Amino acid sequence: GRQPVTLDIPLQSKALSDYVSDMGFTPSFETARMYK
């Protein structure tokens, strides 16, 4: 149904970021993917 929907989108998927931005989705925060 019509609830707030959240996606965590990696930098490599700019196409999805652009697409949901066009749908009216807004960024709320970001994290850094880090590896040891």
PDB file of all heavy atoms in Angstrom:
ATOM      1  N   GLY A   1       0.807  -1.209   0.000  1.00  0.00           N
ATOM      2  CA  GLY A   1       0.000   0.000   0.000  1.00  0.00           C
ATOM      3  C   GLY A   1       0.843   1.263   0.000  1.00  0.00           C
ATOM      4  O   GLY A   1       2.057   1.249  -0.221  1.00  0.00           O
ATOM      5  N   ARG A   2       0.177   2.377   0.278  1.00  0.00           N
ATOM      6  CA  ARG A   2       0.853   3.669   0.209  1.00  0.00           C
ATOM      7  C   ARG A   2       1.498   4.005   1.554  1.00  0.00           C
ATOM      8  O   ARG A   2       0.903   4.659   2.416  1.00  0.00           O
ATOM      9  CB  ARG A   2      -0.126   4.758  -0.208  1.00  0.00           C
ATOM     10  CG  ARG A   2       0.567   6.063  -0.611  1.00  0.00           C
ATOM     11  CD  ARG A   2      -0.404   7.026  -1.260  1.00  0.00           C
ATOM     12  NE  ARG A   2       0.262   8.247  -1.706  1.00  0.00           N
ATOM     13  CZ  ARG A   2       0.928   8.362  -2.850  1.00  0.00           C
ATOM     14  NH1 ARG A   2       1.012   7.326  -3.673  1.00  0.00           N
ATOM     15  NH2 ARG A   2       1.506   9.509  -3.186  1.00  0.00           N
ATOM     16  N   GLN A   3       2.706   3.519   1.731  1.00  0.00           N
ATOM     17  CA  GLN A   3       3.510   3.817   2.907  1.00  0.00           C
ATOM     18  C   GLN A   3       4.817   4.452   2.449  1.00  0.00           C
ATOM     19  O   GLN A   3       5.207   4.312   1.289  1.00  0.00           O
ATOM     20  CB  GLN A   3       3.843   2.541   3.679  1.00  0.00           C
ATOM     21  CG  GLN A   3       2.676   1.753   4.201  1.00  0.00           C
ATOM     22  CD  GLN A   3       3.185   0.601   5.075  1.00  0.00           C
ATOM     23  OE1 GLN A   3       3.822   0.800   6.094  1.00  0.00           O
ATOM     24  NE2 GLN A   3       2.883  -0.623   4.665  1.00  0.00           N
ATOM     25  N   PRO A   4       5.528   5.147   3.347  1.00  0.00           N
ATOM     26  CA  PRO A   4       6.875   5.601   2.994  1.00  0.00           C
ATOM     27  C   PRO A   4       7.751   4.402   2.628  1.00  0.00           C
ATOM     28  O   PRO A   4       7.734   3.375   3.315  1.00  0.00           O
ATOM     29  CB  PRO A   4       7.371   6.283   4.274  1.00  0.00           C
ATOM     30  CG  PRO A   4       6.133   6.640   5.027  1.00  0.00           C
ATOM     31  CD  PRO A   4       5.134   5.565   4.710  1.00  0.00           C
ATOM     32  N   VAL A   5       8.490   4.530   1.542  1.00  0.00           N
ATOM     33  CA  VAL A   5       9.361   3.461   1.057  1.00  0.00           C
ATOM     34  C   VAL A   5      10.800   3.972   1.063  1.00  0.00           C
ATOM     35  O   VAL A   5      11.076   5.084   0.600  1.00  0.00           O
ATOM     36  CB  VAL A   5       8.961   3.022  -0.363  1.00  0.00           C
ATOM     37  CG1 VAL A   5       9.992   2.059  -0.947  1.00  0.00           C
ATOM     38  CG2 VAL A   5       7.582   2.377  -0.344  1.00  0.00           C
ATOM     39  N   THR A   6      11.702   3.151   1.604  1.00  0.00           N
ATOM     40  CA  THR A   6      13.108   3.529   1.727  1.00  0.00           C
ATOM     41  C   THR A   6      13.985   2.565   0.941  1.00  0.00           C
ATOM     42  O   THR A   6      13.771   1.350   0.975  1.00  0.00           O
ATOM     43  CB  THR A   6      13.535   3.518   3.210  1.00  0.00           C
ATOM     44  OG1 THR A   6      12.807   4.522   3.915  1.00  0.00           O
ATOM     45  CG2 THR A   6      15.020   3.787   3.360  1.00  0.00           C
ATOM     46  N   LEU A   7      14.965   3.127   0.225  1.00  0.00           N
ATOM     47  CA  LEU A   7      15.975   2.332  -0.465  1.00  0.00           C
ATOM     48  C   LEU A   7      17.348   2.876  -0.102  1.00  0.00           C
ATOM     49  O   LEU A   7      17.550   4.101  -0.088  1.00  0.00           O
ATOM     50  CB  LEU A   7      15.803   2.381  -1.985  1.00  0.00           C
ATOM     51  CG  LEU A   7      14.500   1.880  -2.575  1.00  0.00           C
ATOM     52  CD1 LEU A   7      13.589   3.050  -2.930  1.00  0.00           C
ATOM     53  CD2 LEU A   7      14.757   1.032  -3.819  1.00  0.00           C
ATOM     54  N   ASP A   8      18.301   1.988   0.165  1.00  0.00           N
ATOM     55  CA  ASP A   8      19.689   2.361   0.384  1.00  0.00           C
ATOM     56  C   ASP A   8      20.436   2.072  -0.911  1.00  0.00           C
ATOM     57  O   ASP A   8      20.663   0.905  -1.271  1.00  0.00           O
ATOM     58  CB  ASP A   8      20.287   1.577   1.551  1.00  0.00           C
ATOM     59  CG  ASP A   8      19.634   1.940   2.876  1.00  0.00           C
ATOM     60  OD1 ASP A   8      19.444   3.149   3.116  1.00  0.00           O
ATOM     61  OD2 ASP A   8      19.304   1.033   3.666  1.00  0.00           O
ATOM     62  N   ILE A   9      20.835   3.133  -1.602  1.00  0.00           N
ATOM     63  CA  ILE A   9      21.325   2.999  -2.972  1.00  0.00           C
ATOM     64  C   ILE A   9      22.823   3.277  -3.020  1.00  0.00           C
ATOM     65  O   ILE A   9      23.278   4.365  -2.644  1.00  0.00           O
ATOM     66  CB  ILE A   9      20.571   3.964  -3.903  1.00  0.00           C
ATOM     67  CG1 ILE A   9      19.059   3.695  -3.818  1.00  0.00           C
ATOM     68  CG2 ILE A   9      21.065   3.824  -5.334  1.00  0.00           C
ATOM     69  CD1 ILE A   9      18.222   4.639  -4.643  1.00  0.00           C
ATOM     70  N   PRO A  10      23.613   2.307  -3.498  1.00  0.00           N
ATOM     71  CA  PRO A  10      25.058   2.520  -3.584  1.00  0.00           C
ATOM     72  C   PRO A  10      25.410   3.488  -4.709  1.00  0.00           C
ATOM     73  O   PRO A  10      24.655   3.671  -5.666  1.00  0.00           O
ATOM     74  CB  PRO A  10      25.602   1.115  -3.875  1.00  0.00           C
ATOM     75  CG  PRO A  10      24.478   0.404  -4.547  1.00  0.00           C
ATOM     76  CD  PRO A  10      23.220   0.957  -3.934  1.00  0.00           C
ATOM     77  N   LEU A  11      26.575   4.108  -4.583  1.00  0.00           N
ATOM     78  CA  LEU A  11      27.045   5.073  -5.564  1.00  0.00           C
ATOM     79  C   LEU A  11      27.060   4.481  -6.972  1.00  0.00           C
ATOM     80  O   LEU A  11      26.800   5.182  -7.953  1.00  0.00           O
ATOM     81  CB  LEU A  11      28.452   5.543  -5.177  1.00  0.00           C
ATOM     82  CG  LEU A  11      29.105   6.591  -6.069  1.00  0.00           C
ATOM     83  CD1 LEU A  11      28.347   7.907  -5.954  1.00  0.00           C
ATOM     84  CD2 LEU A  11      30.571   6.796  -5.676  1.00  0.00           C
ATOM     85  N   GLN A  12      27.361   3.175  -7.064  1.00  0.00           N
ATOM     86  CA  GLN A  12      27.453   2.541  -8.379  1.00  0.00           C
ATOM     87  C   GLN A  12      26.116   2.481  -9.111  1.00  0.00           C
ATOM     88  O   GLN A  12      26.078   2.223 -10.305  1.00  0.00           O
ATOM     89  CB  GLN A  12      28.007   1.109  -8.238  1.00  0.00           C
ATOM     90  CG  GLN A  12      29.426   1.043  -7.706  1.00  0.00           C
ATOM     91  CD  GLN A  12      29.468   0.898  -6.200  1.00  0.00           C
ATOM     92  OE1 GLN A  12      28.616   1.438  -5.488  1.00  0.00           O
ATOM     93  NE2 GLN A  12      30.465   0.176  -5.692  1.00  0.00           N
ATOM     94  N   SER A  13      25.030   2.705  -8.399  1.00  0.00           N
ATOM     95  CA  SER A  13      23.704   2.629  -9.023  1.00  0.00           C
ATOM     96  C   SER A  13      23.093   4.019  -9.166  1.00  0.00           C
ATOM     97  O   SER A  13      21.970   4.279  -8.730  1.00  0.00           O
ATOM     98  CB  SER A  13      22.776   1.725  -8.204  1.00  0.00           C
ATOM     99  OG  SER A  13      21.561   1.499  -8.901  1.00  0.00           O
ATOM    100  N   LYS A  14      23.820   4.901  -9.828  1.00  0.00           N
ATOM    101  CA  LYS A  14      23.324   6.264 -10.033  1.00  0.00           C
ATOM    102  C   LYS A  14      22.007   6.254 -10.802  1.00  0.00           C
ATOM    103  O   LYS A  14      21.143   7.129 -10.599  1.00  0.00           O
ATOM    104  CB  LYS A  14      24.364   7.099 -10.776  1.00  0.00           C
ATOM    105  CG  LYS A  14      23.985   8.566 -10.928  1.00  0.00           C
ATOM    106  CD  LYS A  14      25.100   9.354 -11.590  1.00  0.00           C
ATOM    107  CE  LYS A  14      24.732  10.850 -11.662  1.00  0.00           C
ATOM    108  NZ  LYS A  14      23.523  11.088 -12.471  1.00  0.00           N
ATOM    109  N   ALA A  15      21.830   5.261 -11.672  1.00  0.00           N
ATOM    110  CA  ALA A  15      20.592   5.200 -12.451  1.00  0.00           C
ATOM    111  C   ALA A  15      19.374   5.077 -11.533  1.00  0.00           C
ATOM    112  O   ALA A  15      18.327   5.696 -11.782  1.00  0.00           O
ATOM    113  CB  ALA A  15      20.640   4.022 -13.429  1.00  0.00           C
ATOM    114  N   LEU A  16      19.498   4.291 -10.459  1.00  0.00           N
ATOM    115  CA  LEU A  16      18.374   4.144  -9.534  1.00  0.00           C
ATOM    116  C   LEU A  16      18.190   5.416  -8.714  1.00  0.00           C
ATOM    117  O   LEU A  16      17.050   5.849  -8.482  1.00  0.00           O
ATOM    118  CB  LEU A  16      18.590   2.941  -8.618  1.00  0.00           C
ATOM    119  CG  LEU A  16      17.453   2.649  -7.633  1.00  0.00           C
ATOM    120  CD1 LEU A  16      16.128   2.457  -8.348  1.00  0.00           C
ATOM    121  CD2 LEU A  16      17.771   1.400  -6.788  1.00  0.00           C
ATOM    122  N   SER A  17      19.284   6.027  -8.283  1.00  0.00           N
ATOM    123  CA  SER A  17      19.181   7.291  -7.550  1.00  0.00           C
ATOM    124  C   SER A  17      18.457   8.338  -8.390  1.00  0.00           C
ATOM    125  O   SER A  17      17.564   9.040  -7.901  1.00  0.00           O
ATOM    126  CB  SER A  17      20.567   7.804  -7.167  1.00  0.00           C
ATOM    127  OG  SER A  17      21.247   6.900  -6.340  1.00  0.00           O
ATOM    128  N   ASP A  18      18.847   8.443  -9.651  1.00  0.00           N
ATOM    129  CA  ASP A  18      18.216   9.425 -10.535  1.00  0.00           C
ATOM    130  C   ASP A  18      16.740   9.098 -10.734  1.00  0.00           C
ATOM    131  O   ASP A  18      15.883   9.999 -10.747  1.00  0.00           O
ATOM    132  CB  ASP A  18      18.933   9.454 -11.878  1.00  0.00           C
ATOM    133  CG  ASP A  18      20.336  10.039 -11.799  1.00  0.00           C
ATOM    134  OD1 ASP A  18      20.643  10.701 -10.777  1.00  0.00           O
ATOM    135  OD2 ASP A  18      21.116   9.831 -12.738  1.00  0.00           O
ATOM    136  N   TYR A  19      16.445   7.816 -10.883  1.00  0.00           N
ATOM    137  CA  TYR A  19      15.066   7.418 -11.181  1.00  0.00           C
ATOM    138  C   TYR A  19      14.141   7.725 -10.003  1.00  0.00           C
ATOM    139  O   TYR A  19      13.059   8.298 -10.191  1.00  0.00           O
ATOM    140  CB  TYR A  19      15.021   5.926 -11.518  1.00  0.00           C
ATOM    141  CG  TYR A  19      13.711   5.493 -12.120  1.00  0.00           C
ATOM    142  CD1 TYR A  19      13.444   5.698 -13.469  1.00  0.00           C
ATOM    143  CD2 TYR A  19      12.731   4.890 -11.340  1.00  0.00           C
ATOM    144  CE1 TYR A  19      12.237   5.308 -14.030  1.00  0.00           C
ATOM    145  CE2 TYR A  19      11.516   4.506 -11.885  1.00  0.00           C
ATOM    146  CZ  TYR A  19      11.280   4.711 -13.233  1.00  0.00           C
ATOM    147  OH  TYR A  19      10.075   4.339 -13.766  1.00  0.00           O
ATOM    148  N   VAL A  20      14.539   7.335  -8.796  1.00  0.00           N
ATOM    149  CA  VAL A  20      13.656   7.588  -7.658  1.00  0.00           C
ATOM    150  C   VAL A  20      13.604   9.075  -7.317  1.00  0.00           C
ATOM    151  O   VAL A  20      12.586   9.565  -6.814  1.00  0.00           O
ATOM    152  CB  VAL A  20      14.059   6.743  -6.421  1.00  0.00           C
ATOM    153  CG1 VAL A  20      13.943   5.256  -6.729  1.00  0.00           C
ATOM    154  CG2 VAL A  20      15.450   7.094  -5.923  1.00  0.00           C
ATOM    155  N   SER A  21      14.682   9.811  -7.609  1.00  0.00           N
ATOM    156  CA  SER A  21      14.634  11.262  -7.418  1.00  0.00           C
ATOM    157  C   SER A  21      13.577  11.881  -8.317  1.00  0.00           C
ATOM    158  O   SER A  21      12.825  12.781  -7.890  1.00  0.00           O
ATOM    159  CB  SER A  21      16.006  11.887  -7.708  1.00  0.00           C
ATOM    160  OG  SER A  21      16.967  11.470  -6.760  1.00  0.00           O
ATOM    161  N   ASP A  22      13.487  11.408  -9.555  1.00  0.00           N
ATOM    162  CA  ASP A  22      12.462  11.894 -10.475  1.00  0.00           C
ATOM    163  C   ASP A  22      11.057  11.538  -9.991  1.00  0.00           C
ATOM    164  O   ASP A  22      10.076  12.210 -10.342  1.00  0.00           O
ATOM    165  CB  ASP A  22      12.688  11.323 -11.874  1.00  0.00           C
ATOM    166  CG  ASP A  22      13.913  11.913 -12.560  1.00  0.00           C
ATOM    167  OD1 ASP A  22      14.383  12.978 -12.110  1.00  0.00           O
ATOM    168  OD2 ASP A  22      14.407  11.305 -13.523  1.00  0.00           O
ATOM    169  N   MET A  23      10.952  10.460  -9.173  1.00  0.00           N
ATOM    170  CA  MET A  23       9.663  10.062  -8.608  1.00  0.00           C
ATOM    171  C   MET A  23       9.292  10.884  -7.376  1.00  0.00           C
ATOM    172  O   MET A  23       8.206  10.731  -6.821  1.00  0.00           O
ATOM    173  CB  MET A  23       9.684   8.581  -8.223  1.00  0.00           C
ATOM    174  CG  MET A  23       9.796   7.617  -9.386  1.00  0.00           C
ATOM    175  SD  MET A  23       9.988   5.899  -8.807  1.00  0.00           S
ATOM    176  CE  MET A  23       8.416   5.643  -7.955  1.00  0.00           C
ATOM    177  N   GLY A  24      10.211  11.722  -6.925  1.00  0.00           N
ATOM    178  CA  GLY A  24       9.951  12.536  -5.748  1.00  0.00           C
ATOM    179  C   GLY A  24      10.587  12.039  -4.473  1.00  0.00           C
ATOM    180  O   GLY A  24      10.370  12.616  -3.397  1.00  0.00           O
ATOM    181  N   PHE A  25      11.388  10.961  -4.553  1.00  0.00           N
ATOM    182  CA  PHE A  25      12.108  10.479  -3.380  1.00  0.00           C
ATOM    183  C   PHE A  25      13.191  11.500  -3.000  1.00  0.00           C
ATOM    184  O   PHE A  25      13.788  12.145  -3.865  1.00  0.00           O
ATOM    185  CB  PHE A  25      12.764   9.130  -3.661  1.00  0.00           C
ATOM    186  CG  PHE A  25      11.849   7.945  -3.584  1.00  0.00           C
ATOM    187  CD1 PHE A  25      10.716   7.862  -4.386  1.00  0.00           C
ATOM    188  CD2 PHE A  25      12.116   6.896  -2.719  1.00  0.00           C
ATOM    189  CE1 PHE A  25       9.872   6.761  -4.325  1.00  0.00           C
ATOM    190  CE2 PHE A  25      11.280   5.786  -2.644  1.00  0.00           C
ATOM    191  CZ  PHE A  25      10.149   5.719  -3.449  1.00  0.00           C
ATOM    192  N   THR A  26      13.457  11.610  -1.702  1.00  0.00           N
ATOM    193  CA  THR A  26      14.471  12.550  -1.236  1.00  0.00           C
ATOM    194  C   THR A  26      15.519  11.831  -0.395  1.00  0.00           C
ATOM    195  O   THR A  26      15.206  10.871   0.330  1.00  0.00           O
ATOM    196  CB  THR A  26      13.836  13.668  -0.392  1.00  0.00           C
ATOM    197  OG1 THR A  26      13.103  13.090   0.700  1.00  0.00           O
ATOM    198  CG2 THR A  26      12.898  14.510  -1.239  1.00  0.00           C
ATOM    199  N   PRO A  27      16.779  12.273  -0.477  1.00  0.00           N
ATOM    200  CA  PRO A  27      17.832  11.661   0.357  1.00  0.00           C
ATOM    201  C   PRO A  27      17.713  12.117   1.797  1.00  0.00           C
ATOM    202  O   PRO A  27      17.391  13.278   2.073  1.00  0.00           O
ATOM    203  CB  PRO A  27      19.124  12.167  -0.292  1.00  0.00           C
ATOM    204  CG  PRO A  27      18.723  13.456  -0.949  1.00  0.00           C
ATOM    205  CD  PRO A  27      17.299  13.298  -1.379  1.00  0.00           C
ATOM    206  N   SER A  28      17.969  11.183   2.718  1.00  0.00           N
ATOM    207  CA  SER A  28      17.881  11.526   4.136  1.00  0.00           C
ATOM    208  C   SER A  28      19.234  11.445   4.835  1.00  0.00           C
ATOM    209  O   SER A  28      19.519  12.251   5.724  1.00  0.00           O
ATOM    210  CB  SER A  28      16.869  10.634   4.855  1.00  0.00           C
ATOM    211  OG  SER A  28      17.175   9.257   4.672  1.00  0.00           O
ATOM    212  N   PHE A  29      20.062  10.470   4.487  1.00  0.00           N
ATOM    213  CA  PHE A  29      21.420  10.439   5.014  1.00  0.00           C
ATOM    214  C   PHE A  29      22.256   9.503   4.165  1.00  0.00           C
ATOM    215  O   PHE A  29      21.744   8.788   3.297  1.00  0.00           O
ATOM    216  CB  PHE A  29      21.463  10.032   6.492  1.00  0.00           C
ATOM    217  CG  PHE A  29      21.264   8.553   6.749  1.00  0.00           C
ATOM    218  CD1 PHE A  29      22.366   7.699   6.883  1.00  0.00           C
ATOM    219  CD2 PHE A  29      20.002   8.011   6.889  1.00  0.00           C
ATOM    220  CE1 PHE A  29      22.197   6.346   7.143  1.00  0.00           C
ATOM    221  CE2 PHE A  29      19.824   6.657   7.137  1.00  0.00           C
ATOM    222  CZ  PHE A  29      20.916   5.836   7.262  1.00  0.00           C
ATOM    223  N   GLU A  30      23.565   9.515   4.407  1.00  0.00           N
ATOM    224  CA  GLU A  30      24.449   8.646   3.637  1.00  0.00           C
ATOM    225  C   GLU A  30      25.464   7.973   4.544  1.00  0.00           C
ATOM    226  O   GLU A  30      25.756   8.451   5.649  1.00  0.00           O
ATOM    227  CB  GLU A  30      25.166   9.422   2.537  1.00  0.00           C
ATOM    228  CG  GLU A  30      26.152  10.465   3.025  1.00  0.00           C
ATOM    229  CD  GLU A  30      26.830  11.207   1.882  1.00  0.00           C
ATOM    230  OE1 GLU A  30      26.107  11.772   1.026  1.00  0.00           O
ATOM    231  OE2 GLU A  30      28.075  11.216   1.841  1.00  0.00           O
ATOM    232  N   THR A  31      25.970   6.861   4.080  1.00  0.00           N
ATOM    233  CA  THR A  31      27.037   6.140   4.768  1.00  0.00           C
ATOM    234  C   THR A  31      28.166   5.890   3.770  1.00  0.00           C
ATOM    235  O   THR A  31      27.982   6.012   2.556  1.00  0.00           O
ATOM    236  CB  THR A  31      26.555   4.786   5.316  1.00  0.00           C
ATOM    237  OG1 THR A  31      26.112   3.962   4.217  1.00  0.00           O
ATOM    238  CG2 THR A  31      25.422   4.972   6.308  1.00  0.00           C
ATOM    239  N   ALA A  32      29.323   5.539   4.277  1.00  0.00           N
ATOM    240  CA  ALA A  32      30.446   5.144   3.434  1.00  0.00           C
ATOM    241  C   ALA A  32      30.600   3.645   3.505  1.00  0.00           C
ATOM    242  O   ALA A  32      30.676   3.072   4.595  1.00  0.00           O
ATOM    243  CB  ALA A  32      31.738   5.829   3.890  1.00  0.00           C
ATOM    244  N   ARG A  33      30.612   2.974   2.352  1.00  0.00           N
ATOM    245  CA  ARG A  33      30.961   1.550   2.336  1.00  0.00           C
ATOM    246  C   ARG A  33      32.473   1.463   2.488  1.00  0.00           C
ATOM    247  O   ARG A  33      33.234   2.031   1.700  1.00  0.00           O
ATOM    248  CB  ARG A  33      30.489   0.904   1.034  1.00  0.00           C
ATOM    249  CG  ARG A  33      30.936  -0.548   0.857  1.00  0.00           C
ATOM    250  CD  ARG A  33      30.492  -1.478   1.974  1.00  0.00           C
ATOM    251  NE  ARG A  33      29.058  -1.587   2.088  1.00  0.00           N
ATOM    252  CZ  ARG A  33      28.323  -2.508   1.454  1.00  0.00           C
ATOM    253  NH1 ARG A  33      28.911  -3.394   0.676  1.00  0.00           N
ATOM    254  NH2 ARG A  33      27.011  -2.552   1.638  1.00  0.00           N
ATOM    255  N   MET A  34      32.903   0.742   3.513  1.00  0.00           N
ATOM    256  CA  MET A  34      34.317   0.630   3.833  1.00  0.00           C
ATOM    257  C   MET A  34      34.689  -0.840   3.993  1.00  0.00           C
ATOM    258  O   MET A  34      33.861  -1.657   4.406  1.00  0.00           O
ATOM    259  CB  MET A  34      34.634   1.403   5.124  1.00  0.00           C
ATOM    260  CG  MET A  34      34.194   2.856   5.092  1.00  0.00           C
ATOM    261  SD  MET A  34      34.550   3.784   6.617  1.00  0.00           S
ATOM    262  CE  MET A  34      36.316   4.080   6.402  1.00  0.00           C
ATOM    263  N   TYR A  35      35.935  -1.152   3.651  1.00  0.00           N
ATOM    264  CA  TYR A  35      36.417  -2.523   3.741  1.00  0.00           C
ATOM    265  C   TYR A  35      37.778  -2.566   4.418  1.00  0.00           C
ATOM    266  O   TYR A  35      38.622  -1.685   4.204  1.00  0.00           O
ATOM    267  CB  TYR A  35      36.562  -3.150   2.351  1.00  0.00           C
ATOM    268  CG  TYR A  35      35.273  -3.296   1.590  1.00  0.00           C
ATOM    269  CD1 TYR A  35      34.955  -2.405   0.565  1.00  0.00           C
ATOM    270  CD2 TYR A  35      34.374  -4.326   1.869  1.00  0.00           C
ATOM    271  CE1 TYR A  35      33.777  -2.539  -0.160  1.00  0.00           C
ATOM    272  CE2 TYR A  35      33.192  -4.466   1.156  1.00  0.00           C
ATOM    273  CZ  TYR A  35      32.909  -3.565   0.149  1.00  0.00           C
ATOM    274  OH  TYR A  35      31.738  -3.694  -0.563  1.00  0.00           O
ATOM    275  N   LYS A  36      37.968  -3.605   5.202  1.00  0.00           N
ATOM    276  CA  LYS A  36      39.292  -3.927   5.742  1.00  0.00           C
ATOM    277  C   LYS A  36      39.708  -5.237   5.101  1.00  0.00           C
ATOM    278  O   LYS A  36      39.140  -6.296   5.386  1.00  0.00           O
ATOM    279  CB  LYS A  36      39.235  -4.070   7.263  1.00  0.00           C
ATOM    280  CG  LYS A  36      40.600  -4.336   7.903  1.00  0.00           C
ATOM    281  CD  LYS A  36      40.501  -4.367   9.415  1.00  0.00           C
ATOM    282  CE  LYS A  36      41.879  -4.548  10.044  1.00  0.00           C
ATOM    283  NZ  LYS A  36      41.820  -4.539  11.517  1.00  0.00           N
TER     284      LYS A  36
END
